[in-house]
Every structure is written in structure tokens, then in C-alpha cells.
PDB file of all heavy atoms in Angstrom:
ATOM      1  N   ASN A   1      56.354   2.903 -14.066  1.00  0.00           N
ATOM      2  CA  ASN A   1      56.025   3.721 -15.197  1.00  0.00           C
ATOM      3  C   ASN A   1      55.495   5.096 -14.770  1.00  0.00           C
ATOM      4  O   ASN A   1      55.668   6.162 -15.154  1.00  0.00           O
ATOM      5  CB  ASN A   1      55.041   3.032 -16.086  1.00  0.00           C
ATOM      6  CG  ASN A   1      54.942   3.557 -17.450  1.00  0.00           C
ATOM      7  OD1 ASN A   1      55.946   4.109 -17.939  1.00  0.00           O
ATOM      8  ND2 ASN A   1      53.763   3.578 -18.130  1.00  0.00           N
ATOM      9  N   GLN A   2      54.562   4.922 -13.639  1.00  0.00           N
ATOM     10  CA  GLN A   2      54.083   6.184 -13.178  1.00  0.00           C
ATOM     11  C   GLN A   2      55.151   7.018 -12.383  1.00  0.00           C
ATOM     12  O   GLN A   2      54.917   8.311 -12.506  1.00  0.00           O
ATOM     13  CB  GLN A   2      52.930   5.776 -12.012  1.00  0.00           C
ATOM     14  CG  GLN A   2      51.775   5.281 -12.601  1.00  0.00           C
ATOM     15  CD  GLN A   2      50.948   6.295 -13.403  1.00  0.00           C
ATOM     16  OE1 GLN A   2      50.893   6.253 -14.637  1.00  0.00           O
ATOM     17  NE2 GLN A   2      50.357   7.327 -12.575  1.00  0.00           N
ATOM     18  N   ALA A   3      56.059   6.418 -11.711  1.00  0.00           N
ATOM     19  CA  ALA A   3      57.060   7.196 -10.972  1.00  0.00           C
ATOM     20  C   ALA A   3      58.114   7.853 -11.878  1.00  0.00           C
ATOM     21  O   ALA A   3      58.629   8.849 -11.552  1.00  0.00           O
ATOM     22  CB  ALA A   3      57.677   6.269  -9.950  1.00  0.00           C
ATOM     23  N   TYR A   4      58.517   7.119 -12.997  1.00  0.00           N
ATOM     24  CA  TYR A   4      59.656   7.597 -13.818  1.00  0.00           C
ATOM     25  C   TYR A   4      59.349   7.956 -15.206  1.00  0.00           C
ATOM     26  O   TYR A   4      60.177   8.174 -15.974  1.00  0.00           O
ATOM     27  CB  TYR A   4      60.740   6.553 -13.735  1.00  0.00           C
ATOM     28  CG  TYR A   4      61.260   6.079 -12.430  1.00  0.00           C
ATOM     29  CD1 TYR A   4      60.877   5.041 -11.741  1.00  0.00           C
ATOM     30  CD2 TYR A   4      62.140   7.070 -11.818  1.00  0.00           C
ATOM     31  CE1 TYR A   4      61.319   4.661 -10.503  1.00  0.00           C
ATOM     32  CE2 TYR A   4      62.651   6.784 -10.570  1.00  0.00           C
ATOM     33  CZ  TYR A   4      62.242   5.585  -9.972  1.00  0.00           C
ATOM     34  OH  TYR A   4      62.806   5.236  -8.728  1.00  0.00           O
ATOM     35  N   HIS A   5      58.028   7.992 -15.630  1.00  0.00           N
ATOM     36  CA  HIS A   5      57.660   8.083 -17.003  1.00  0.00           C
ATOM     37  C   HIS A   5      58.090   9.429 -17.497  1.00  0.00           C
ATOM     38  O   HIS A   5      58.700   9.546 -18.629  1.00  0.00           O
ATOM     39  CB  HIS A   5      56.208   8.039 -17.222  1.00  0.00           C
ATOM     40  CG  HIS A   5      55.758   8.103 -18.687  1.00  0.00           C
ATOM     41  ND1 HIS A   5      55.491   9.288 -19.350  1.00  0.00           N
ATOM     42  CD2 HIS A   5      55.664   7.102 -19.720  1.00  0.00           C
ATOM     43  CE1 HIS A   5      55.143   9.045 -20.559  1.00  0.00           C
ATOM     44  NE2 HIS A   5      55.201   7.693 -20.709  1.00  0.00           N
ATOM     45  N   ASP A   6      58.193  10.506 -16.709  1.00  0.00           N
ATOM     46  CA  ASP A   6      58.566  11.811 -17.133  1.00  0.00           C
ATOM     47  C   ASP A   6      60.156  11.992 -17.066  1.00  0.00           C
ATOM     48  O   ASP A   6      60.507  12.937 -17.537  1.00  0.00           O
ATOM     49  CB  ASP A   6      57.799  12.819 -16.369  1.00  0.00           C
ATOM     50  CG  ASP A   6      56.311  12.844 -16.532  1.00  0.00           C
ATOM     51  OD1 ASP A   6      55.924  12.419 -17.606  1.00  0.00           O
ATOM     52  OD2 ASP A   6      55.577  13.260 -15.649  1.00  0.00           O
ATOM     53  N   ASN A   7      60.742  11.066 -16.324  1.00  0.00           N
ATOM     54  CA  ASN A   7      62.162  11.182 -16.171  1.00  0.00           C
ATOM     55  C   ASN A   7      62.805   9.827 -16.168  1.00  0.00           C
ATOM     56  O   ASN A   7      63.148   9.254 -15.071  1.00  0.00           O
ATOM     57  CB  ASN A   7      62.583  11.968 -14.983  1.00  0.00           C
ATOM     58  CG  ASN A   7      64.106  12.196 -14.778  1.00  0.00           C
ATOM     59  OD1 ASN A   7      64.830  11.911 -15.706  1.00  0.00           O
ATOM     60  ND2 ASN A   7      64.493  12.743 -13.635  1.00  0.00           N
ATOM     61  N   GLN A   8      62.617   9.070 -17.224  1.00  0.00           N
ATOM     62  CA  GLN A   8      63.004   7.761 -17.357  1.00  0.00           C
ATOM     63  C   GLN A   8      64.334   7.342 -17.023  1.00  0.00           C
ATOM     64  O   GLN A   8      64.838   6.310 -16.518  1.00  0.00           O
ATOM     65  CB  GLN A   8      62.637   7.218 -18.733  1.00  0.00           C
ATOM     66  CG  GLN A   8      61.112   7.355 -19.089  1.00  0.00           C
ATOM     67  CD  GLN A   8      60.705   6.737 -20.369  1.00  0.00           C
ATOM     68  OE1 GLN A   8      61.426   6.000 -21.037  1.00  0.00           O
ATOM     69  NE2 GLN A   8      59.392   6.791 -20.642  1.00  0.00           N
ATOM     70  N   SER A   9      65.252   8.453 -17.277  1.00  0.00           N
ATOM     71  CA  SER A   9      66.765   8.066 -17.034  1.00  0.00           C
ATOM     72  C   SER A   9      67.029   7.940 -15.450  1.00  0.00           C
ATOM     73  O   SER A   9      68.060   7.394 -15.122  1.00  0.00           O
ATOM     74  CB  SER A   9      67.632   9.170 -17.625  1.00  0.00           C
ATOM     75  OG  SER A   9      67.301  10.454 -17.172  1.00  0.00           O
ATOM     76  N   GLN A  10      65.982   8.566 -14.717  1.00  0.00           N
ATOM     77  CA  GLN A  10      66.265   8.530 -13.244  1.00  0.00           C
ATOM     78  C   GLN A  10      66.214   7.053 -12.791  1.00  0.00           C
ATOM     79  O   GLN A  10      67.025   6.658 -11.919  1.00  0.00           O
ATOM     80  CB  GLN A  10      65.245   9.360 -12.506  1.00  0.00           C
ATOM     81  CG  GLN A  10      65.376   9.312 -10.980  1.00  0.00           C
ATOM     82  CD  GLN A  10      64.357  10.123 -10.216  1.00  0.00           C
ATOM     83  OE1 GLN A  10      63.339  10.683 -11.018  1.00  0.00           O
ATOM     84  NE2 GLN A  10      64.289  10.252  -9.017  1.00  0.00           N
ATOM     85  N   PHE A  11      65.428   6.284 -13.480  1.00  0.00           N
ATOM     86  CA  PHE A  11      65.283   4.832 -13.079  1.00  0.00           C
ATOM     87  C   PHE A  11      66.657   4.081 -13.494  1.00  0.00           C
ATOM     88  O   PHE A  11      67.229   3.315 -12.689  1.00  0.00           O
ATOM     89  CB  PHE A  11      64.056   4.205 -13.613  1.00  0.00           C
ATOM     90  CG  PHE A  11      63.980   2.683 -13.431  1.00  0.00           C
ATOM     91  CD1 PHE A  11      63.586   2.191 -12.196  1.00  0.00           C
ATOM     92  CD2 PHE A  11      64.381   1.755 -14.501  1.00  0.00           C
ATOM     93  CE1 PHE A  11      63.426   0.887 -12.002  1.00  0.00           C
ATOM     94  CE2 PHE A  11      64.215   0.434 -14.332  1.00  0.00           C
ATOM     95  CZ  PHE A  11      63.776  -0.113 -13.020  1.00  0.00           C
ATOM     96  N   THR A  12      66.998   4.264 -14.760  1.00  0.00           N
ATOM     97  CA  THR A  12      68.263   3.564 -15.287  1.00  0.00           C
ATOM     98  C   THR A  12      69.510   4.054 -14.557  1.00  0.00           C
ATOM     99  O   THR A  12      70.450   3.315 -14.442  1.00  0.00           O
ATOM    100  CB  THR A  12      68.310   3.739 -16.871  1.00  0.00           C
ATOM    101  OG1 THR A  12      68.386   5.116 -17.187  1.00  0.00           O
ATOM    102  CG2 THR A  12      67.044   3.072 -17.438  1.00  0.00           C
ATOM    103  N   ASP A  13      69.512   5.278 -14.139  1.00  0.00           N
ATOM    104  CA  ASP A  13      70.604   5.794 -13.503  1.00  0.00           C
ATOM    105  C   ASP A  13      71.007   5.010 -12.294  1.00  0.00           C
ATOM    106  O   ASP A  13      72.130   4.711 -11.919  1.00  0.00           O
ATOM    107  CB  ASP A  13      70.494   7.296 -13.028  1.00  0.00           C
ATOM    108  CG  ASP A  13      70.669   8.254 -14.220  1.00  0.00           C
ATOM    109  OD1 ASP A  13      71.053   7.801 -15.227  1.00  0.00           O
ATOM    110  OD2 ASP A  13      70.290   9.299 -14.107  1.00  0.00           O
ATOM    111  N   HIS A  14      69.872   4.541 -11.547  1.00  0.00           N
ATOM    112  CA  HIS A  14      70.075   3.624 -10.369  1.00  0.00           C
ATOM    113  C   HIS A  14      70.793   2.292 -10.791  1.00  0.00           C
ATOM    114  O   HIS A  14      71.655   1.885 -10.221  1.00  0.00           O
ATOM    115  CB  HIS A  14      68.797   3.313  -9.707  1.00  0.00           C
ATOM    116  CG  HIS A  14      68.235   4.308  -8.852  1.00  0.00           C
ATOM    117  ND1 HIS A  14      68.826   4.779  -7.713  1.00  0.00           N
ATOM    118  CD2 HIS A  14      67.076   5.154  -8.945  1.00  0.00           C
ATOM    119  CE1 HIS A  14      68.140   5.757  -7.041  1.00  0.00           C
ATOM    120  NE2 HIS A  14      67.111   6.089  -7.915  1.00  0.00           N
ATOM    121  N   LEU A  15      70.358   1.767 -11.983  1.00  0.00           N
ATOM    122  CA  LEU A  15      70.922   0.425 -12.384  1.00  0.00           C
ATOM    123  C   LEU A  15      72.371   0.720 -12.767  1.00  0.00           C
ATOM    124  O   LEU A  15      73.172  -0.286 -12.511  1.00  0.00           O
ATOM    125  CB  LEU A  15      70.129   0.028 -13.617  1.00  0.00           C
ATOM    126  CG  LEU A  15      68.637  -0.107 -13.452  1.00  0.00           C
ATOM    127  CD1 LEU A  15      68.023  -0.609 -14.657  1.00  0.00           C
ATOM    128  CD2 LEU A  15      68.208  -0.902 -12.184  1.00  0.00           C
ATOM    129  N   TYR A  16      72.707   1.875 -13.282  1.00  0.00           N
ATOM    130  CA  TYR A  16      74.025   2.222 -13.599  1.00  0.00           C
ATOM    131  C   TYR A  16      74.875   2.405 -12.413  1.00  0.00           C
ATOM    132  O   TYR A  16      76.058   2.014 -12.311  1.00  0.00           O
ATOM    133  CB  TYR A  16      74.208   3.106 -14.555  1.00  0.00           C
ATOM    134  CG  TYR A  16      73.915   2.814 -16.053  1.00  0.00           C
ATOM    135  CD1 TYR A  16      72.688   2.213 -16.410  1.00  0.00           C
ATOM    136  CD2 TYR A  16      74.748   3.073 -16.941  1.00  0.00           C
ATOM    137  CE1 TYR A  16      72.347   1.815 -17.641  1.00  0.00           C
ATOM    138  CE2 TYR A  16      74.501   2.683 -18.383  1.00  0.00           C
ATOM    139  CZ  TYR A  16      73.278   1.968 -18.722  1.00  0.00           C
ATOM    140  OH  TYR A  16      72.994   1.694 -19.826  1.00  0.00           O
ATOM    141  N   GLU A  17      74.340   3.016 -11.346  1.00  0.00           N
ATOM    142  CA  GLU A  17      74.979   3.351 -10.112  1.00  0.00           C
ATOM    143  C   GLU A  17      75.403   2.007  -9.454  1.00  0.00           C
ATOM    144  O   GLU A  17      76.380   1.903  -8.655  1.00  0.00           O
ATOM    145  CB  GLU A  17      74.187   4.108  -9.193  1.00  0.00           C
ATOM    146  CG  GLU A  17      74.034   5.613  -9.648  1.00  0.00           C
ATOM    147  CD  GLU A  17      72.970   6.384  -8.853  1.00  0.00           C
ATOM    148  OE1 GLU A  17      72.434   5.862  -7.947  1.00  0.00           O
ATOM    149  OE2 GLU A  17      72.644   7.605  -9.215  1.00  0.00           O
ATOM    150  N   TRP A  18      74.472   1.054  -9.528  1.00  0.00           N
ATOM    151  CA  TRP A  18      74.702  -0.401  -9.013  1.00  0.00           C
ATOM    152  C   TRP A  18      75.583  -1.213  -9.950  1.00  0.00           C
ATOM    153  O   TRP A  18      75.757  -2.478  -9.608  1.00  0.00           O
ATOM    154  CB  TRP A  18      73.398  -1.046  -8.746  1.00  0.00           C
ATOM    155  CG  TRP A  18      72.495  -0.225  -7.772  1.00  0.00           C
ATOM    156  CD1 TRP A  18      72.899   0.518  -6.799  1.00  0.00           C
ATOM    157  CD2 TRP A  18      70.996  -0.249  -7.866  1.00  0.00           C
ATOM    158  NE1 TRP A  18      71.869   1.159  -6.122  1.00  0.00           N
ATOM    159  CE2 TRP A  18      70.681   0.536  -6.715  1.00  0.00           C
ATOM    160  CE3 TRP A  18      70.116  -0.930  -8.521  1.00  0.00           C
ATOM    161  CZ2 TRP A  18      69.238   0.864  -6.487  1.00  0.00           C
ATOM    162  CZ3 TRP A  18      68.696  -0.585  -8.219  1.00  0.00           C
ATOM    163  CH2 TRP A  18      68.405   0.241  -7.200  1.00  0.00           C
ATOM    164  N   HIS A  19      76.139  -0.644 -10.954  1.00  0.00           N
ATOM    165  CA  HIS A  19      77.024  -1.288 -12.021  1.00  0.00           C
ATOM    166  C   HIS A  19      76.545  -2.541 -12.515  1.00  0.00           C
ATOM    167  O   HIS A  19      77.193  -3.442 -12.906  1.00  0.00           O
ATOM    168  CB  HIS A  19      78.409  -1.588 -11.218  1.00  0.00           C
ATOM    169  CG  HIS A  19      79.004  -0.515 -10.477  1.00  0.00           C
ATOM    170  ND1 HIS A  19      79.882   0.486 -11.277  1.00  0.00           N
ATOM    171  CD2 HIS A  19      78.869   0.117  -9.253  1.00  0.00           C
ATOM    172  CE1 HIS A  19      80.331   1.420 -10.500  1.00  0.00           C
ATOM    173  NE2 HIS A  19      79.711   1.164  -9.295  1.00  0.00           N
ATOM    174  N   LEU A  20      75.090  -2.583 -12.732  1.00  0.00           N
ATOM    175  CA  LEU A  20      74.501  -3.717 -13.270  1.00  0.00           C
ATOM    176  C   LEU A  20      74.766  -3.786 -14.861  1.00  0.00           C
ATOM    177  O   LEU A  20      74.542  -4.824 -15.378  1.00  0.00           O
ATOM    178  CB  LEU A  20      73.051  -3.665 -13.225  1.00  0.00           C
ATOM    179  CG  LEU A  20      72.525  -3.697 -11.659  1.00  0.00           C
ATOM    180  CD1 LEU A  20      70.979  -3.845 -11.712  1.00  0.00           C
ATOM    181  CD2 LEU A  20      73.047  -4.994 -11.021  1.00  0.00           C
ATOM    182  N   ASN A  21      75.353  -2.740 -15.369  1.00  0.00           N
ATOM    183  CA  ASN A  21      75.654  -2.734 -16.794  1.00  0.00           C
ATOM    184  C   ASN A  21      77.108  -3.144 -17.119  1.00  0.00           C
ATOM    185  O   ASN A  21      77.539  -3.126 -18.161  1.00  0.00           O
ATOM    186  CB  ASN A  21      75.480  -1.312 -17.466  1.00  0.00           C
ATOM    187  CG  ASN A  21      76.212  -0.291 -16.732  1.00  0.00           C
ATOM    188  OD1 ASN A  21      76.388  -0.266 -15.513  1.00  0.00           O
ATOM    189  ND2 ASN A  21      76.910   0.607 -17.506  1.00  0.00           N
ATOM    190  N   GLU A  22      77.834  -3.414 -16.034  1.00  0.00           N
ATOM    191  CA  GLU A  22      79.256  -3.754 -16.095  1.00  0.00           C
ATOM    192  C   GLU A  22      79.554  -5.123 -15.832  1.00  0.00           C
ATOM    193  O   GLU A  22      78.981  -5.822 -15.007  1.00  0.00           O
ATOM    194  CB  GLU A  22      80.080  -2.819 -15.213  1.00  0.00           C
ATOM    195  CG  GLU A  22      79.839  -1.435 -15.443  1.00  0.00           C
ATOM    196  CD  GLU A  22      80.586  -0.434 -14.413  1.00  0.00           C
ATOM    197  OE1 GLU A  22      81.382  -1.073 -13.557  1.00  0.00           O
ATOM    198  OE2 GLU A  22      80.344   0.708 -14.561  1.00  0.00           O
ATOM    199  N   LYS A  23      80.608  -5.718 -16.288  1.00  0.00           N
ATOM    200  CA  LYS A  23      81.145  -7.006 -15.924  1.00  0.00           C
ATOM    201  C   LYS A  23      81.610  -6.989 -14.571  1.00  0.00           C
ATOM    202  O   LYS A  23      82.027  -5.980 -13.989  1.00  0.00           O
ATOM    203  CB  LYS A  23      82.231  -7.445 -16.926  1.00  0.00           C
ATOM    204  CG  LYS A  23      81.780  -7.768 -18.242  1.00  0.00           C
ATOM    205  CD  LYS A  23      83.068  -8.339 -19.034  1.00  0.00           C
ATOM    206  CE  LYS A  23      82.664  -8.798 -20.443  1.00  0.00           C
ATOM    207  NZ  LYS A  23      83.668  -9.338 -21.183  1.00  0.00           N
ATOM    208  N   LEU A  24      81.593  -8.148 -13.870  1.00  0.00           N
ATOM    209  CA  LEU A  24      82.010  -8.282 -12.501  1.00  0.00           C
ATOM    210  C   LEU A  24      83.413  -8.468 -12.393  1.00  0.00           C
ATOM    211  O   LEU A  24      84.121  -8.248 -11.376  1.00  0.00           O
ATOM    212  CB  LEU A  24      81.346  -9.570 -11.848  1.00  0.00           C
ATOM    213  CG  LEU A  24      79.874  -9.457 -11.624  1.00  0.00           C
ATOM    214  CD1 LEU A  24      79.358 -10.852 -11.419  1.00  0.00           C
ATOM    215  CD2 LEU A  24      79.523  -8.524 -10.510  1.00  0.00           C
ATOM    216  N   GLY A  25      84.312  -8.636 -13.413  1.00  0.00           N
ATOM    217  CA  GLY A  25      85.695  -8.718 -13.497  1.00  0.00           C
ATOM    218  C   GLY A  25      86.084 -10.020 -12.666  1.00  0.00           C
ATOM    219  O   GLY A  25      86.843  -9.937 -11.834  1.00  0.00           O
ATOM    220  N   LEU A  26      85.624 -11.178 -13.217  1.00  0.00           N
ATOM    221  CA  LEU A  26      85.821 -12.493 -12.417  1.00  0.00           C
ATOM    222  C   LEU A  26      87.267 -12.956 -12.630  1.00  0.00           C
ATOM    223  O   LEU A  26      87.927 -12.455 -13.710  1.00  0.00           O
ATOM    224  CB  LEU A  26      84.810 -13.396 -13.083  1.00  0.00           C
ATOM    225  CG  LEU A  26      83.326 -13.083 -12.867  1.00  0.00           C
ATOM    226  CD1 LEU A  26      82.464 -14.228 -13.589  1.00  0.00           C
ATOM    227  CD2 LEU A  26      83.020 -12.892 -11.428  1.00  0.00           C
ATOM    228  N   GLN A  27      87.580 -13.837 -11.893  1.00  0.00           N
ATOM    229  CA  GLN A  27      88.880 -14.477 -12.072  1.00  0.00           C
ATOM    230  C   GLN A  27      89.079 -15.528 -13.089  1.00  0.00           C
ATOM    231  O   GLN A  27      90.135 -16.038 -13.367  1.00  0.00           O
ATOM    232  CB  GLN A  27      89.341 -15.091 -10.631  1.00  0.00           C
ATOM    233  CG  GLN A  27      89.442 -14.093  -9.540  1.00  0.00           C
ATOM    234  CD  GLN A  27      89.616 -14.676  -8.229  1.00  0.00           C
ATOM    235  OE1 GLN A  27      88.776 -15.605  -7.865  1.00  0.00           O
ATOM    236  NE2 GLN A  27      90.618 -14.382  -7.460  1.00  0.00           N
TER     237      GLN A  27
END
């Protein structure tokens, strides 16, 4: 909260860069 409160998308951008919001495309 202290690190990203003023720029909250900076934190979620990491999660999206790691594709945590996407399916794994399993077999």
C-alpha cells in the first residue's frame, strides 16, 4: 500500500505481465 498507493496500476501491471489474469491453455 505504501509503495503503490499513488500508482496502483503499477502493481497490477506486474501481475498482468506475468499473465496471472490469463488461462494457461491446458491440454
